[in-house]
Protein backbone atom coordinates (compact mmCIF):
# COMPACT_ATOMS: atom_id res chain seq x y z
CA UNK A 1 18.09 -3.28 23.09
CA UNK A 2 16.38 -6.24 21.45
CA UNK A 3 13.00 -7.30 22.85
CA UNK A 4 10.37 -9.78 21.71
CA UNK A 5 6.64 -9.68 22.23
CA UNK A 6 3.58 -11.25 20.65
CA UNK A 7 1.24 -8.89 18.83
CA UNK A 8 -1.38 -11.37 17.66
CA UNK A 9 -1.85 -15.07 18.35
CA UNK A 10 -4.50 -17.62 17.60
CA UNK A 11 -5.75 -18.90 14.29
CA UNK A 12 -8.92 -16.82 14.19
CA UNK A 13 -7.12 -13.48 14.74
CA UNK A 14 -4.54 -14.22 12.07
CA UNK A 15 -7.12 -15.51 9.60
CA UNK A 16 -9.04 -12.23 9.84
CA UNK A 17 -5.86 -10.22 9.34
CA UNK A 18 -4.37 -12.11 6.41
CA UNK A 19 -5.48 -10.65 3.07
CA UNK A 20 -2.57 -10.70 0.64
CA UNK A 21 -1.76 -14.40 0.46
CA UNK A 22 -2.82 -17.85 1.54
CA UNK A 23 -0.51 -19.55 4.03
CA UNK A 24 -0.26 -23.08 5.36
CA UNK A 25 -2.19 -24.28 8.42
CA UNK A 26 1.07 -24.42 10.34
CA UNK A 27 1.78 -20.75 9.57
CA UNK A 28 -1.74 -19.82 10.69
CA UNK A 29 -1.08 -21.24 14.14
CA UNK A 30 0.66 -18.03 15.21
CA UNK A 31 2.53 -15.07 13.85
CA UNK A 32 6.31 -15.05 14.15
CA UNK A 33 7.35 -12.99 17.13
CA UNK A 34 8.21 -9.44 16.06
CA UNK A 35 11.79 -8.65 17.04
CA UNK A 36 12.36 -5.02 17.98
CA UNK A 37 15.58 -2.99 18.06
CA UNK A 38 15.94 0.46 19.63
CA UNK A 39 19.72 0.89 19.82
CA UNK A 40 21.31 2.93 17.03
CA UNK A 41 24.77 1.37 16.97
CA UNK A 42 25.96 -1.04 14.29
CA UNK A 43 25.01 -4.57 15.27
CA UNK A 44 27.22 -7.58 14.49
CA UNK A 45 26.31 -9.60 11.39
CA UNK A 46 23.55 -12.15 11.99
CA UNK A 47 25.04 -15.57 11.35
CA UNK A 48 22.36 -17.91 9.95
CA UNK A 49 21.59 -20.80 12.30
CA UNK A 50 19.02 -22.37 9.99
CA UNK A 51 18.12 -22.27 6.33
CA UNK A 52 20.79 -22.08 3.63
CA UNK A 53 24.20 -20.73 4.75
CA UNK A 54 25.59 -17.41 3.50
CA UNK A 55 28.13 -14.72 4.40
CA UNK A 56 26.03 -12.07 6.23
CA UNK A 57 26.12 -8.31 5.72
CA UNK A 58 26.73 -5.58 8.30
CA UNK A 59 24.07 -2.85 8.33
CA UNK A 60 25.66 0.47 9.23
CA UNK A 61 23.98 1.70 12.43
CA UNK A 62 21.43 -1.04 11.98
CA UNK A 63 20.72 -4.77 12.18
CA UNK A 64 19.39 -7.84 10.37
CA UNK A 65 15.89 -9.17 11.09
CA UNK A 66 15.79 -12.70 12.53
CA UNK A 67 13.44 -15.24 10.95
CA UNK A 68 11.96 -18.64 11.65
CA UNK A 69 11.87 -21.63 9.31
CA UNK A 70 8.35 -23.02 8.83
CA UNK A 71 8.03 -26.10 6.62
CA UNK A 72 10.89 -24.86 4.46
CA UNK A 73 9.62 -21.25 4.28
CA UNK A 74 11.68 -18.42 5.76
CA UNK A 75 9.23 -16.27 7.77
CA UNK A 76 9.76 -12.67 8.90
CA UNK A 77 7.54 -10.22 10.78
CA UNK A 78 7.71 -6.48 10.00
CA UNK A 79 5.83 -4.01 12.19
CA UNK A 80 5.20 -0.57 10.66
CA UNK A 81 5.05 1.88 13.57
CA UNK A 82 6.10 5.29 14.93
CA UNK A 83 9.69 5.23 16.20
CA UNK A 84 12.21 7.53 17.85
CA UNK A 85 15.55 7.55 16.03
CA UNK A 86 18.67 9.07 17.55
CA UNK A 87 20.27 10.72 14.51
CA UNK A 88 23.38 11.76 16.40
CA UNK A 89 24.11 12.00 20.15
CA UNK A 90 21.86 14.70 21.59
CA UNK A 91 19.43 14.79 18.67
CA UNK A 92 16.43 12.47 18.37
CA UNK A 93 13.77 12.53 15.65
CA UNK A 94 10.18 11.30 15.78
CA UNK A 95 9.91 9.15 12.66
CA UNK A 96 7.99 6.21 11.25
CA UNK A 97 9.81 2.95 10.66
CA UNK A 98 9.76 -0.78 11.19
CA UNK A 99 10.42 -2.87 14.30
CA UNK A 100 11.54 0.04 16.45
CA UNK A 101 13.86 1.81 14.02
CA UNK A 102 14.19 3.91 10.90
CA UNK A 103 15.27 2.48 8.58
CA UNK A 104 13.78 -0.91 9.30
CA UNK A 105 15.93 -4.03 9.76
CA UNK A 106 17.79 -5.57 6.83
CA UNK A 107 16.20 -8.72 5.42
CA UNK A 108 18.72 -11.35 4.30
CA UNK A 109 17.75 -14.39 2.26
CA UNK A 110 19.36 -16.78 -0.21
CA UNK A 111 18.55 -17.17 -3.89
CA UNK A 112 15.78 -19.73 -4.22
CA UNK A 113 14.40 -19.19 -0.70
CA UNK A 114 10.61 -19.11 -0.37
CA UNK A 115 10.00 -16.06 1.78
CA UNK A 116 6.89 -15.13 3.80
CA UNK A 117 6.72 -11.66 5.36
CA UNK A 118 3.98 -10.75 7.83
CA UNK A 119 3.45 -6.97 7.87
CA UNK A 120 1.53 -5.51 10.81
CA UNK A 121 0.35 -1.91 10.41
CA UNK A 122 0.53 0.16 13.62
CA UNK A 123 0.40 3.48 11.76
CA UNK A 124 -2.65 5.79 11.82
CA UNK A 125 -3.27 5.28 8.07
CA UNK A 126 -3.19 2.66 5.31
CA UNK A 127 0.14 1.03 4.55
CA UNK A 128 1.71 -1.38 2.06
CA UNK A 129 5.23 -2.59 1.33
CA UNK A 130 6.85 -2.60 -2.11
CA UNK A 131 9.75 -5.03 -2.56
CA UNK A 132 11.92 -2.76 -4.72
CA UNK A 133 13.69 -4.62 -7.54
CA UNK A 134 12.26 -8.09 -6.85
CA UNK A 135 10.89 -10.50 -9.45
CA UNK A 136 7.63 -11.76 -7.89
CA UNK A 137 3.91 -12.36 -8.56
CA UNK A 138 2.16 -9.13 -9.47
CA UNK A 139 -0.18 -9.36 -6.48
CA UNK A 140 2.82 -9.33 -4.11
CA UNK A 141 4.35 -6.12 -5.52
CA UNK A 142 2.82 -3.98 -2.78
CA UNK A 143 1.22 -1.05 -4.62
CA UNK A 144 -1.90 0.08 -2.78
CA UNK A 145 -4.96 0.17 -5.00
CA UNK A 146 -3.17 -1.39 -7.98
CA UNK A 147 -1.96 -4.80 -6.81
CA UNK A 148 -3.55 -5.02 -3.34
CA UNK A 149 -5.85 -3.17 -0.95
CA UNK A 150 -4.01 -1.04 1.60
CA UNK A 151 -3.27 -2.59 4.98
CA UNK A 152 -5.68 -0.89 7.44
CA UNK A 153 -4.38 0.28 10.84
CA UNK A 154 -4.17 -2.64 13.25
CA UNK A 155 -4.26 -5.31 10.53
CA UNK A 156 -1.63 -7.76 9.28
CA UNK A 157 -1.07 -8.76 5.64
CA UNK A 158 1.13 -11.54 4.32
CA UNK A 159 3.51 -11.35 1.34
CA UNK A 160 4.94 -14.57 -0.05
CA UNK A 161 7.27 -15.16 -2.98
CA UNK A 162 10.50 -16.85 -4.03
CA UNK A 163 13.73 -14.82 -3.98
CA UNK A 164 14.49 -15.52 -7.62
CA UNK A 165 17.73 -13.63 -8.21
CA UNK A 166 20.70 -12.60 -6.05
CA UNK A 167 21.43 -8.94 -5.51
CA UNK A 168 20.98 -5.76 -3.51
CA UNK A 169 17.42 -4.51 -3.04
CA UNK A 170 15.27 -2.49 -0.65
CA UNK A 171 11.72 -2.23 0.64
CA UNK A 172 9.56 0.85 1.20
CA UNK A 173 5.89 1.89 1.34
CA UNK A 174 3.71 2.31 -1.72
CA UNK A 175 0.84 3.92 0.19
CA UNK A 176 0.91 7.67 0.89
CA UNK A 177 4.52 7.28 -0.22
CA UNK A 178 5.53 10.94 0.02
CA UNK A 179 4.50 11.12 3.68
CA UNK A 180 5.61 7.69 4.80
CA UNK A 181 9.04 7.80 3.13
CA UNK A 182 9.57 11.39 4.30
CA UNK A 183 8.96 10.03 7.81
CA UNK A 184 11.72 7.43 7.38
CA UNK A 185 9.98 4.24 6.25
CA UNK A 186 12.41 2.07 4.28
CA UNK A 187 14.69 -0.90 4.69
CA UNK A 188 17.41 -2.95 3.01
CA UNK A 189 17.05 -6.37 1.37
CA UNK A 190 19.96 -8.63 0.38
CA UNK A 191 19.57 -11.87 -1.58
CA UNK A 192 22.78 -13.89 -1.41
CA UNK A 193 23.73 -16.25 -4.27
CA UNK A 194 22.83 -19.88 -3.64
CA UNK A 195 25.96 -21.22 -5.33
CA UNK A 196 29.23 -19.75 -6.51
CA UNK A 197 28.33 -17.06 -9.04
CA UNK A 198 30.67 -16.06 -11.90
CA UNK A 199 29.94 -12.33 -11.34
CA UNK A 200 29.67 -12.28 -7.54
CA UNK A 201 32.93 -12.65 -5.63
CA UNK A 202 33.29 -13.68 -2.01
CA UNK A 203 34.23 -10.74 0.23
CA UNK A 204 35.61 -10.40 3.74
CA UNK A 205 33.36 -7.50 4.83
CA UNK A 206 29.99 -6.59 3.38
CA UNK A 207 28.41 -3.28 4.50
CA UNK A 208 25.03 -1.85 3.53
CA UNK A 209 23.16 1.40 4.16
CA UNK A 210 20.39 3.58 2.69
CA UNK A 211 20.64 7.26 1.78
CA UNK A 212 17.70 9.32 3.06
CA UNK A 213 16.92 12.99 3.73
CA UNK A 214 14.75 14.85 6.21
CA UNK A 215 13.51 18.39 6.78
CA UNK A 216 13.45 18.92 10.54
CA UNK A 217 13.45 22.48 11.84
CA UNK A 218 16.09 23.25 14.51
CA UNK A 219 14.56 22.63 17.91
CA UNK A 220 11.83 20.30 16.61
CA UNK A 221 11.69 16.52 16.22
CA UNK A 222 9.19 15.69 13.46
CA UNK A 223 10.02 15.95 9.73
CA UNK A 224 8.12 18.31 7.45
CA UNK A 225 6.58 15.81 5.05
CA UNK A 226 5.66 18.23 2.24
CA UNK A 227 9.27 19.24 1.48
CA UNK A 228 10.22 18.55 -2.14
CA UNK A 229 13.91 19.51 -2.41
CA UNK A 230 15.11 21.76 0.43
CA UNK A 231 16.07 19.13 3.00
CA UNK A 232 18.40 20.13 5.82
CA UNK A 233 19.45 16.69 7.10
CA UNK A 234 21.22 14.25 4.78
CA UNK A 235 21.59 10.83 6.35
CA UNK A 236 22.94 7.32 6.05
CA UNK A 237 20.45 4.93 7.66
CA UNK A 238 18.76 7.93 9.33
CA UNK A 239 22.02 8.95 11.03
CA UNK A 240 24.18 12.05 10.53
CA UNK A 241 27.88 12.51 11.21
CA UNK A 242 29.32 12.24 13.84
CA UNK A 243 26.54 9.79 14.66
CA UNK A 244 27.46 7.48 11.75
CA UNK A 245 29.69 4.60 12.84
CA UNK A 246 33.03 4.02 11.09
CA UNK A 247 33.38 1.17 8.61
CA UNK A 248 36.09 -0.92 10.26
CA UNK A 249 38.09 -3.34 8.10
CA UNK A 250 41.27 -5.38 8.26
CA UNK A 251 44.11 -4.45 5.93
CA UNK A 252 43.90 -6.33 2.61
CA UNK A 253 40.28 -7.31 3.22
CA UNK A 254 38.06 -7.40 0.16
CA UNK A 255 35.23 -5.01 1.06
CA UNK A 256 31.77 -4.63 -0.46
CA UNK A 257 29.67 -1.49 0.06
CA UNK A 258 25.96 -1.75 -0.84
CA UNK A 259 24.28 1.67 -1.11
CA UNK A 260 20.63 2.47 -1.86
CA UNK A 261 19.24 5.95 -2.53
CA UNK A 262 15.73 6.92 -1.38
CA UNK A 263 16.27 10.68 -1.32
CA UNK A 264 15.03 13.09 -4.00
CA UNK A 265 18.45 13.80 -5.54
CA UNK A 266 21.56 11.94 -6.65
CA UNK A 267 24.61 11.35 -4.46
CA UNK A 268 28.19 11.02 -5.82
CA UNK A 269 29.72 8.70 -3.24
CA UNK A 270 33.47 9.32 -2.86
CA UNK A 271 36.03 7.11 -1.13
CA UNK A 272 39.46 8.44 -0.19
CA UNK A 273 42.68 6.47 -0.51
CA UNK A 274 41.39 3.58 -2.66
CA UNK A 275 39.84 2.77 -6.03
CA UNK A 276 36.73 0.63 -6.29
CA UNK A 277 34.74 -1.23 -8.92
CA UNK A 278 30.97 -0.90 -9.39
CA UNK A 279 30.13 -4.61 -9.31
CA UNK A 280 26.35 -4.50 -9.03
CA UNK A 281 23.16 -2.47 -9.38
CA UNK A 282 19.54 -3.14 -8.43
CA UNK A 283 19.36 -4.93 -11.78
CA UNK A 284 21.96 -7.46 -10.66
CA UNK A 285 25.73 -7.95 -10.92
CA UNK A 286 27.44 -5.92 -13.64
CA UNK A 287 29.28 -7.70 -16.47
CA UNK A 288 33.01 -7.70 -15.83
CA UNK A 289 33.63 -6.09 -19.23
CA UNK A 290 31.78 -2.93 -18.05
CA UNK A 291 33.65 -2.48 -14.78
CA UNK A 292 36.23 0.24 -14.39
CA UNK A 293 38.06 1.65 -11.40
CA UNK A 294 36.50 4.73 -9.83
CA UNK A 295 36.90 6.80 -6.68
CA UNK A 296 33.44 8.37 -6.99
CA UNK A 297 30.21 6.66 -8.07
CA UNK A 298 26.91 8.45 -8.54
CA UNK A 299 23.87 6.83 -6.96
CA UNK A 300 20.72 8.24 -8.55
CA UNK A 301 17.24 8.38 -7.03
CA UNK A 302 15.77 4.92 -6.48
CA UNK A 303 19.03 3.17 -7.42
CA UNK A 304 21.27 0.67 -5.68
CA UNK A 305 25.01 0.53 -6.25
CA UNK A 306 27.43 -2.15 -5.12
CA UNK A 307 31.07 -1.05 -4.76
CA UNK A 308 34.05 -3.33 -4.10
CA UNK A 309 37.68 -2.60 -3.26
CA UNK A 310 40.77 -4.07 -1.61
CA UNK A 311 41.51 -2.19 1.62
CA UNK A 312 45.28 -2.18 1.14
CA UNK A 313 46.09 1.29 2.51
CA UNK A 314 46.15 1.71 6.27
CA UNK A 315 44.60 4.79 7.80
CA UNK A 316 41.37 6.64 8.52
CA UNK A 317 39.91 7.31 5.08
CA UNK A 318 37.01 9.71 4.55
CA UNK A 319 33.96 8.32 2.79
CA UNK A 320 31.18 10.76 1.92
CA UNK A 321 28.77 12.25 -0.58
CA UNK A 322 30.69 14.72 -2.71
CA UNK A 323 27.90 17.31 -2.75
CA UNK A 324 29.38 19.63 -0.15
CA UNK A 325 26.05 20.76 1.32
CA UNK A 326 25.22 17.10 1.98
CA UNK A 327 28.04 16.96 4.54
CA UNK A 328 26.41 19.57 6.78
CA UNK A 329 23.62 19.33 9.34
CA UNK A 330 20.53 21.53 9.81
CA UNK A 331 21.77 23.99 7.20
CA UNK A 332 19.52 26.98 6.51
CA UNK A 333 18.94 27.97 2.90
CA UNK A 334 18.59 31.72 3.46
CA UNK A 335 21.96 32.42 5.11
CA UNK A 336 23.64 35.35 3.33
CA UNK A 337 27.25 35.18 2.17
CA UNK A 338 29.32 37.38 4.51
CA UNK A 339 32.84 36.39 3.46
CA UNK A 340 35.16 39.41 3.49
CA UNK A 341 32.63 41.75 5.13
CA UNK A 342 34.09 43.85 7.97
CA UNK A 343 31.64 43.48 10.84
CA UNK A 344 33.71 45.20 13.56
CA UNK A 345 31.68 48.39 13.86
CA UNK A 346 28.38 46.49 13.70
CA UNK A 347 29.55 43.99 16.31
CA UNK A 348 30.54 46.80 18.71
CA UNK A 349 27.08 48.34 18.40
CA UNK A 350 25.10 45.09 18.58
CA UNK A 351 26.99 43.67 21.59
CA UNK A 352 25.96 46.71 23.61
CA UNK A 353 22.40 45.42 23.25
CA UNK A 354 23.06 41.67 22.93
CA UNK A 355 26.18 40.72 24.94
CA UNK A 356 26.33 37.15 23.51
CA UNK A 357 26.10 38.26 19.87
CA UNK A 358 28.63 36.67 17.55
CA UNK A 359 29.24 37.23 13.87
CA UNK A 360 29.22 34.20 11.59
CA UNK A 361 30.63 33.50 8.16
CA UNK A 362 33.02 36.38 7.51
CA UNK A 363 35.94 33.94 7.22
CA UNK A 364 33.91 31.07 5.77
CA UNK A 365 31.94 28.49 7.77
CA UNK A 366 34.68 26.40 9.39
CA UNK A 367 34.83 28.71 12.42
CA UNK A 368 31.42 27.33 13.36
CA UNK A 369 32.97 23.93 14.10
CA UNK A 370 34.92 25.45 16.99
CA UNK A 371 32.25 27.79 18.40
CA UNK A 372 30.40 26.95 21.59
CA UNK A 373 27.17 28.21 20.06
CA UNK A 374 23.88 28.08 21.95
CA UNK A 375 21.53 25.78 20.00
CA UNK A 376 17.84 25.01 20.41
CA UNK A 377 17.08 21.84 22.32
CA UNK A 378 17.23 18.62 20.27
CA UNK A 379 19.28 20.09 17.44
CA UNK A 380 22.42 18.88 15.68
CA UNK A 381 25.29 21.30 15.13
CA UNK A 382 25.79 22.27 11.49
CA UNK A 383 29.36 20.98 11.24
CA UNK A 384 30.79 18.88 14.00
CA UNK A 385 32.86 15.86 14.88
CA UNK A 386 36.36 15.88 16.34
CA UNK A 387 39.34 13.97 15.00
CA UNK A 388 42.88 13.53 16.35
CA UNK A 389 43.89 16.93 14.92
CA UNK A 390 40.82 18.97 15.91
CA UNK A 391 37.43 19.75 14.39
CA UNK A 392 36.59 17.66 11.32
CA UNK A 393 34.12 20.27 10.06
CA UNK A 394 31.70 17.77 8.57
CA UNK A 395 28.18 16.52 9.13
CA UNK A 396 25.47 14.67 7.22
CA UNK A 397 26.60 11.99 4.76
CA UNK A 398 30.12 11.44 6.06
CA UNK A 399 31.96 8.63 7.78
CA UNK A 400 35.40 7.03 7.95
CA UNK A 401 36.70 3.74 6.59
CA UNK A 402 39.22 2.57 9.19
CA UNK A 403 41.79 0.19 7.71
CA UNK A 404 43.99 -1.56 10.27
CA UNK A 405 46.71 -4.16 9.94
CA UNK A 406 46.05 -5.53 13.43
CA UNK A 407 42.24 -5.77 13.13
CA UNK A 408 41.12 -9.37 13.64
CA UNK A 409 38.97 -11.15 11.04
CA UNK A 410 35.32 -10.56 11.85
CA UNK A 411 36.14 -7.83 14.40
CA UNK A 412 34.12 -4.63 13.78
CA UNK A 413 35.09 -2.81 16.99
CA UNK A 414 36.34 0.75 16.53
CA UNK A 415 40.15 0.66 16.86
CA UNK A 416 40.40 4.40 17.62
CA UNK A 417 42.32 6.93 15.56
CA UNK A 418 45.11 5.85 13.24
CA UNK A 419 48.66 6.23 14.57
CA UNK A 420 50.59 7.68 11.64
CA UNK A 421 54.16 6.51 11.14
CA UNK A 422 56.73 9.27 11.77
CA UNK A 423 57.16 11.64 8.87
CA UNK A 424 53.85 10.80 7.17
CA UNK A 425 51.69 13.72 8.37
CA UNK A 426 51.50 17.07 6.58
CA UNK A 427 53.28 19.76 8.63
CA UNK A 428 53.84 23.50 8.75
CA UNK A 429 56.78 24.93 6.82
CA UNK A 430 58.55 27.57 8.92
CA UNK A 431 61.37 28.62 6.58
CA UNK A 432 61.56 31.72 4.41
CA UNK A 433 59.28 31.73 1.41
CA UNK A 434 61.17 32.52 -1.83
CA UNK A 435 59.71 34.93 -4.37
CA UNK A 436 58.37 33.22 -7.49
CA UNK A 437 60.82 33.37 -10.39
CA UNK A 438 58.34 35.22 -12.59
CA UNK A 439 58.33 38.22 -10.20
CA UNK A 440 61.85 39.16 -11.22
CA UNK A 441 60.94 39.03 -14.90
CA UNK A 442 57.93 41.27 -14.28
CA UNK A 443 59.85 43.89 -12.34
CA UNK A 444 58.66 43.15 -8.83
CA UNK A 445 55.44 42.28 -7.08
CA UNK A 446 52.91 41.78 -9.84
CA UNK A 447 49.97 43.47 -8.12
CA UNK A 448 51.88 46.61 -7.02
CA UNK A 449 51.90 49.71 -9.29
CA UNK A 450 55.26 50.47 -10.87
CA UNK A 451 57.07 53.48 -9.32
CA UNK A 452 57.08 56.29 -11.93
CA UNK A 453 57.64 60.07 -11.52
CA UNK A 454 54.43 62.11 -11.47
CA UNK A 455 53.85 64.38 -14.49
CA UNK A 456 51.08 66.52 -15.87
CA UNK A 457 48.96 65.06 -18.66
CA UNK A 458 47.15 67.27 -21.13
CA UNK A 459 43.86 65.92 -22.45
CA UNK A 460 42.07 67.44 -25.43
CA UNK A 461 38.37 66.80 -26.07
CA UNK A 462 36.86 67.23 -29.52
CA UNK A 463 33.15 67.67 -30.06
CA UNK A 464 31.45 65.29 -32.51
CA UNK A 465 31.19 66.81 -36.00
CA UNK A 466 27.81 67.96 -37.22
CA UNK A 467 26.38 68.77 -33.77
CA UNK A 468 26.02 72.17 -32.23
CA UNK A 469 26.30 71.94 -28.43
CA UNK A 470 25.84 74.92 -26.19
């Protein structure tokens, strides 16, 4: 739900709050209304109704922040505040974010725009915003103590600069960064080219999302902010599968995927069924001579990657991080490996004391996708999601690119599961399995001992020379 409300009005209140930049008298008349968003579904692209025109992006499970034009300046209002983010149906986390959500709203501008961002701090500690990857005056870079004083709780600072180059960027705190980013504070920034660019093609669909990670104990709601590496929730835009919306495209659309990484490890992003080109980084568009077709692209810590492909294969195509433990939810790190262990006797004894006891992991972990396991309140199942053929057995950084011939231009509605043409789905073979040809050459089943008549074997032992053993 989108709502609007005034936080501060009147020239005197704003004048006392503004510390990072001087603004015009018109801007000092009132702050732009902060627009809030609490729904976690993917919002339609925000078509610009003023300022320079551009082809807007779609933020996966997110939205774009509206602005107002003020004497030729594009003005935004970010509110840093505690938020509640639904990570997947049935599981909500208490995070910090901007304008009602984690991550905050995407900011879209055009190359050459003069941008003014009002940042109101409703956190219990100092805050600042770093505009990751931007060329701007040093005093607008947003590093607390180095380029500006921190924004005190309850105060509003102003950042103002010109969006000098097109590309894919992000914003995040540079004050108590480990805590504030671990709590979910981040957002996307897209600067569209002002004119036709030789290295930036027009696309039909333009998606963006941020990679982030959290350590939230099962049954709790607040992240552990001191975690360095052992995160148990791997997210796209603070959502985990099956809570991540599909990326819906029309067949033969040219699709752009903008991905930013604010976790503490790299993520090899893998797309099924298509090849893509890496057409941009946070440094800008890549030279065409360096581009090569890939199906997996690694996005390192603090990096942005821009991937483009032609969606010319119909179907429901998996799209995920290729680190297998990043496609699981709430995974414990101390679970022993029980594959192949016979638990039957133990189970019989334990169930006499605990009737609901169940053994886990002796045939791998996929069984857990089909178990009706009791979970603590406000917890996501480790592997979940159901497709047209049963349990998907995935979580975390996983979604589906849905390519449809009948999808209308500009329509992002979920078309449902793909209807496979007859004869195009893998099926069970029910005939007799022939023995491999090599078995005959080896005299039968290779692992079975050869049948030979039993006979006595005489073994003689000789003592080592030069030693007298008694």
